[in-house]
Amino acid sequence: MTETSREVGVVLRRRAIDNPWVDHIWSPVTILEDVPSTAPWTVLSHEPDAVLYYAGRATLDLFSADTANYRDNLADGEPRIWVALRRQDGGAELELTKVTADPTEGEAMFESGTDVIGTVPMPPDVAAWIAAFVDEFHVEQVFHKRKRDKAKAGRRPSEGPGEGSSGGWRDDV
C-alpha cells in the first residue's frame, strides 16, 4: 500500500450559545493549504458572539487502498475535509486528533464519540493534490458476481439433525 502525507493548518470557531448546559460550541471553519508559523491556539479574530482560533497543524494522510473514497469525495461537487478534536482529560482544552479526506473515515469519526467533528470545504490546492494521488494509484476493483454451484443447486438444507446422510444438505429431495 502506498501512502503520502501533507501538513495543513486548521482554523476553528468557538461560538457562544444560549443553552442551559453548554455556554459555547466549537466548529471547524477552514483548512489552510500552507501551515503558518503561528503558534497553536492563537486567537485570529473576535466576532460579536465568536472567536476564531488557529488550532495548529495536522497531517492529512492518503492511502492507495482508499482512492475510491477520495475519488467519490472529489466527484461530489463540493469535496470536504473532516476535522476531529477531543477534549483533553475531560477539561476545556481541545486536542486536534484527525483530519481526513476519506468520507468513510469521516463518517466513522462521527460515530466514535469524538467531542468535536465537522467538515470544511476542501481547498483547491488540496483537491488537486488528492486528484493527482487518485490518478496515480487508483485501481478499479471489478465486481465479480459469484456463480451458483450447479451440483448443489437442487439441494435444500435439512430440517434438523439426523435427517439425510450428514444432517447437512439433503440429497434425497
Protein backbone atom coordinates (compact mmCIF):
# COMPACT_ATOMS: atom_id res chain seq x y z
CA MET A 1 0.00 0.00 0.00
CA THR A 2 1.28 3.44 -0.92
CA GLU A 3 0.93 6.36 1.47
CA THR A 4 1.61 10.07 1.23
CA SER A 5 1.05 12.91 3.68
CA ARG A 6 0.68 16.65 3.72
CA GLU A 7 0.61 19.16 6.55
CA VAL A 8 -2.34 21.57 6.72
CA GLY A 9 -3.41 24.24 9.18
CA VAL A 10 -6.79 24.13 10.96
CA VAL A 11 -8.93 27.13 11.92
CA LEU A 12 -11.73 26.71 14.49
CA ARG A 13 -14.56 28.87 15.76
CA ARG A 14 -15.67 28.99 19.38
CA ARG A 15 -19.20 30.39 19.34
CA ALA A 16 -21.26 31.42 22.35
CA ILE A 17 -24.70 29.81 22.51
CA ASP A 18 -27.79 30.22 24.65
CA ASN A 19 -28.11 26.80 26.26
CA PRO A 20 -28.65 25.85 29.91
CA TRP A 21 -26.00 23.08 29.81
CA VAL A 22 -23.31 24.43 27.47
CA ASP A 23 -22.16 28.02 27.02
CA HIS A 24 -20.26 27.55 23.73
CA ILE A 25 -19.64 25.17 20.81
CA TRP A 26 -16.59 24.55 18.67
CA SER A 27 -16.67 24.05 14.91
CA PRO A 28 -14.02 23.84 12.20
CA VAL A 29 -14.00 26.82 9.84
CA THR A 30 -11.33 26.12 7.24
CA ILE A 31 -8.23 24.18 6.32
CA LEU A 32 -5.18 26.22 5.39
CA GLU A 33 -3.21 24.84 2.44
CA ASP A 34 0.01 26.26 3.83
CA VAL A 35 0.86 25.81 7.51
CA PRO A 36 1.60 29.18 9.10
CA SER A 37 4.32 29.69 11.68
CA THR A 38 1.62 30.85 14.14
CA ALA A 39 1.56 29.07 17.48
CA PRO A 40 -1.33 26.63 18.04
CA TRP A 41 -4.41 28.09 19.75
CA THR A 42 -3.59 31.64 18.72
CA VAL A 43 -6.64 33.92 18.57
CA LEU A 44 -7.09 35.09 14.98
CA SER A 45 -10.13 37.32 15.38
CA HIS A 46 -13.00 38.28 17.66
CA GLU A 47 -16.55 38.46 16.38
CA PRO A 48 -19.59 39.63 18.42
CA ASP A 49 -20.50 36.08 19.53
CA ALA A 50 -17.46 34.04 18.42
CA VAL A 51 -13.68 33.80 18.46
CA LEU A 52 -11.58 32.30 15.63
CA TYR A 53 -8.52 30.26 16.61
CA TYR A 54 -5.66 28.76 14.69
CA ALA A 55 -5.83 25.26 16.21
CA GLY A 56 -2.49 24.15 14.77
CA ARG A 57 -1.08 21.85 12.15
CA ALA A 58 -2.49 18.48 11.24
CA THR A 59 -1.34 15.73 8.92
CA LEU A 60 -3.61 14.78 6.03
CA ASP A 61 -2.73 11.17 5.09
CA LEU A 62 -3.67 9.50 1.80
CA PHE A 63 -3.60 5.73 1.29
CA SER A 64 -3.74 3.93 -2.06
CA ALA A 65 -6.32 1.49 -0.68
CA ASP A 66 -8.75 4.39 -0.16
CA THR A 67 -8.54 6.06 -3.59
CA ALA A 68 -12.15 5.14 -4.47
CA ASN A 69 -13.33 7.06 -1.39
CA TYR A 70 -11.22 10.11 -2.27
CA ARG A 71 -12.50 9.95 -5.85
CA ASP A 72 -16.10 9.87 -4.63
CA ASN A 73 -15.41 12.86 -2.36
CA LEU A 74 -13.90 14.85 -5.25
CA ALA A 75 -16.75 13.88 -7.62
CA ASP A 76 -19.38 15.04 -5.14
CA GLY A 77 -19.19 18.62 -6.42
CA GLU A 78 -18.33 20.06 -3.01
CA PRO A 79 -15.39 18.00 -1.71
CA ARG A 80 -15.00 18.10 2.07
CA ILE A 81 -12.33 17.61 4.72
CA TRP A 82 -13.35 16.09 8.09
CA VAL A 83 -11.80 17.53 11.26
CA ALA A 84 -11.91 15.80 14.66
CA LEU A 85 -10.95 17.18 18.07
CA ARG A 86 -11.11 15.64 21.53
CA ARG A 87 -11.28 17.19 24.98
CA GLN A 88 -8.06 16.62 26.90
CA ASP A 89 -8.62 14.76 30.18
CA GLY A 90 -12.27 15.83 30.28
CA GLY A 91 -11.25 19.50 30.56
CA ALA A 92 -11.99 22.51 28.42
CA GLU A 93 -8.88 22.28 26.21
CA LEU A 94 -9.11 20.56 22.85
CA GLU A 95 -6.61 18.35 21.05
CA LEU A 96 -6.64 18.22 17.27
CA THR A 97 -6.80 14.45 16.61
CA LYS A 98 -7.57 13.83 12.93
CA VAL A 99 -8.01 15.46 9.56
CA THR A 100 -9.15 13.26 6.67
CA ALA A 101 -10.40 13.47 3.09
CA ASP A 102 -11.91 9.98 3.25
CA PRO A 103 -15.72 10.25 3.64
CA THR A 104 -15.96 6.74 5.09
CA GLU A 105 -13.41 7.53 7.79
CA GLY A 106 -15.05 10.90 8.41
CA GLU A 107 -18.46 9.31 8.96
CA ALA A 108 -16.90 6.71 11.28
CA MET A 109 -15.46 9.56 13.37
CA PHE A 110 -18.99 10.94 13.83
CA GLU A 111 -19.98 7.62 15.40
CA SER A 112 -16.84 7.28 17.55
CA GLY A 113 -17.85 9.77 20.23
CA THR A 114 -15.08 12.25 19.47
CA ASP A 115 -16.02 15.58 21.04
CA VAL A 116 -15.90 17.93 18.04
CA ILE A 117 -16.27 16.82 14.46
CA GLY A 118 -17.14 18.83 11.43
CA THR A 119 -16.46 19.27 7.78
CA VAL A 120 -14.98 22.17 5.87
CA PRO A 121 -14.71 22.80 2.14
CA MET A 122 -11.62 21.24 0.60
CA PRO A 123 -9.19 23.94 -0.60
CA PRO A 124 -8.50 23.81 -4.38
CA ASP A 125 -4.78 23.09 -3.95
CA VAL A 126 -5.53 20.16 -1.61
CA ALA A 127 -8.18 18.87 -4.05
CA ALA A 128 -5.63 18.96 -6.90
CA TRP A 129 -3.09 17.09 -4.73
CA ILE A 130 -5.65 14.40 -3.88
CA ALA A 131 -6.81 14.13 -7.52
CA ALA A 132 -3.20 13.58 -8.63
CA PHE A 133 -2.82 10.84 -6.00
CA VAL A 134 -6.04 9.16 -7.16
CA ASP A 135 -4.95 9.37 -10.81
CA GLU A 136 -1.62 7.74 -9.99
CA PHE A 137 -2.71 4.98 -7.62
CA HIS A 138 -6.38 4.15 -8.20
CA VAL A 139 -7.06 0.63 -9.47
CA GLU A 140 -10.67 -0.04 -10.36
CA GLN A 141 -11.97 -3.09 -8.50
CA VAL A 142 -14.09 -5.20 -10.83
CA PHE A 143 -17.14 -6.75 -9.21
CA HIS A 144 -17.28 -10.50 -9.77
CA LYS A 145 -20.68 -11.99 -9.24
CA ARG A 146 -20.45 -15.43 -7.69
CA LYS A 147 -21.97 -18.22 -9.70
CA ARG A 148 -24.06 -20.90 -8.07
CA ASP A 149 -22.54 -24.32 -7.74
CA LYS A 150 -24.74 -26.35 -10.09
CA ALA A 151 -24.06 -29.54 -8.13
CA LYS A 152 -25.77 -28.02 -5.06
CA ALA A 153 -28.49 -26.10 -6.91
CA GLY A 154 -31.21 -28.73 -6.32
CA ARG A 155 -30.40 -29.45 -2.68
CA ARG A 156 -32.11 -28.00 0.38
CA PRO A 157 -30.83 -27.74 3.93
CA SER A 158 -32.20 -30.44 6.21
CA GLU A 159 -34.88 -29.70 8.74
CA GLY A 160 -32.74 -30.81 11.65
CA PRO A 161 -30.02 -33.14 12.86
CA GLY A 162 -30.28 -36.76 11.88
CA GLU A 163 -32.06 -36.16 8.59
CA GLY A 164 -30.21 -37.01 5.41
CA SER A 165 -26.83 -38.65 5.41
CA SER A 166 -24.95 -35.97 7.36
CA GLY A 167 -27.57 -33.73 8.88
CA GLY A 168 -26.48 -31.01 6.45
CA TRP A 169 -27.61 -30.92 2.83
CA ARG A 170 -30.24 -33.45 1.76
CA ASP A 171 -29.58 -35.32 -1.43
CA ASP A 172 -32.79 -37.32 -1.36
CA VAL A 173 -35.20 -34.46 -2.03
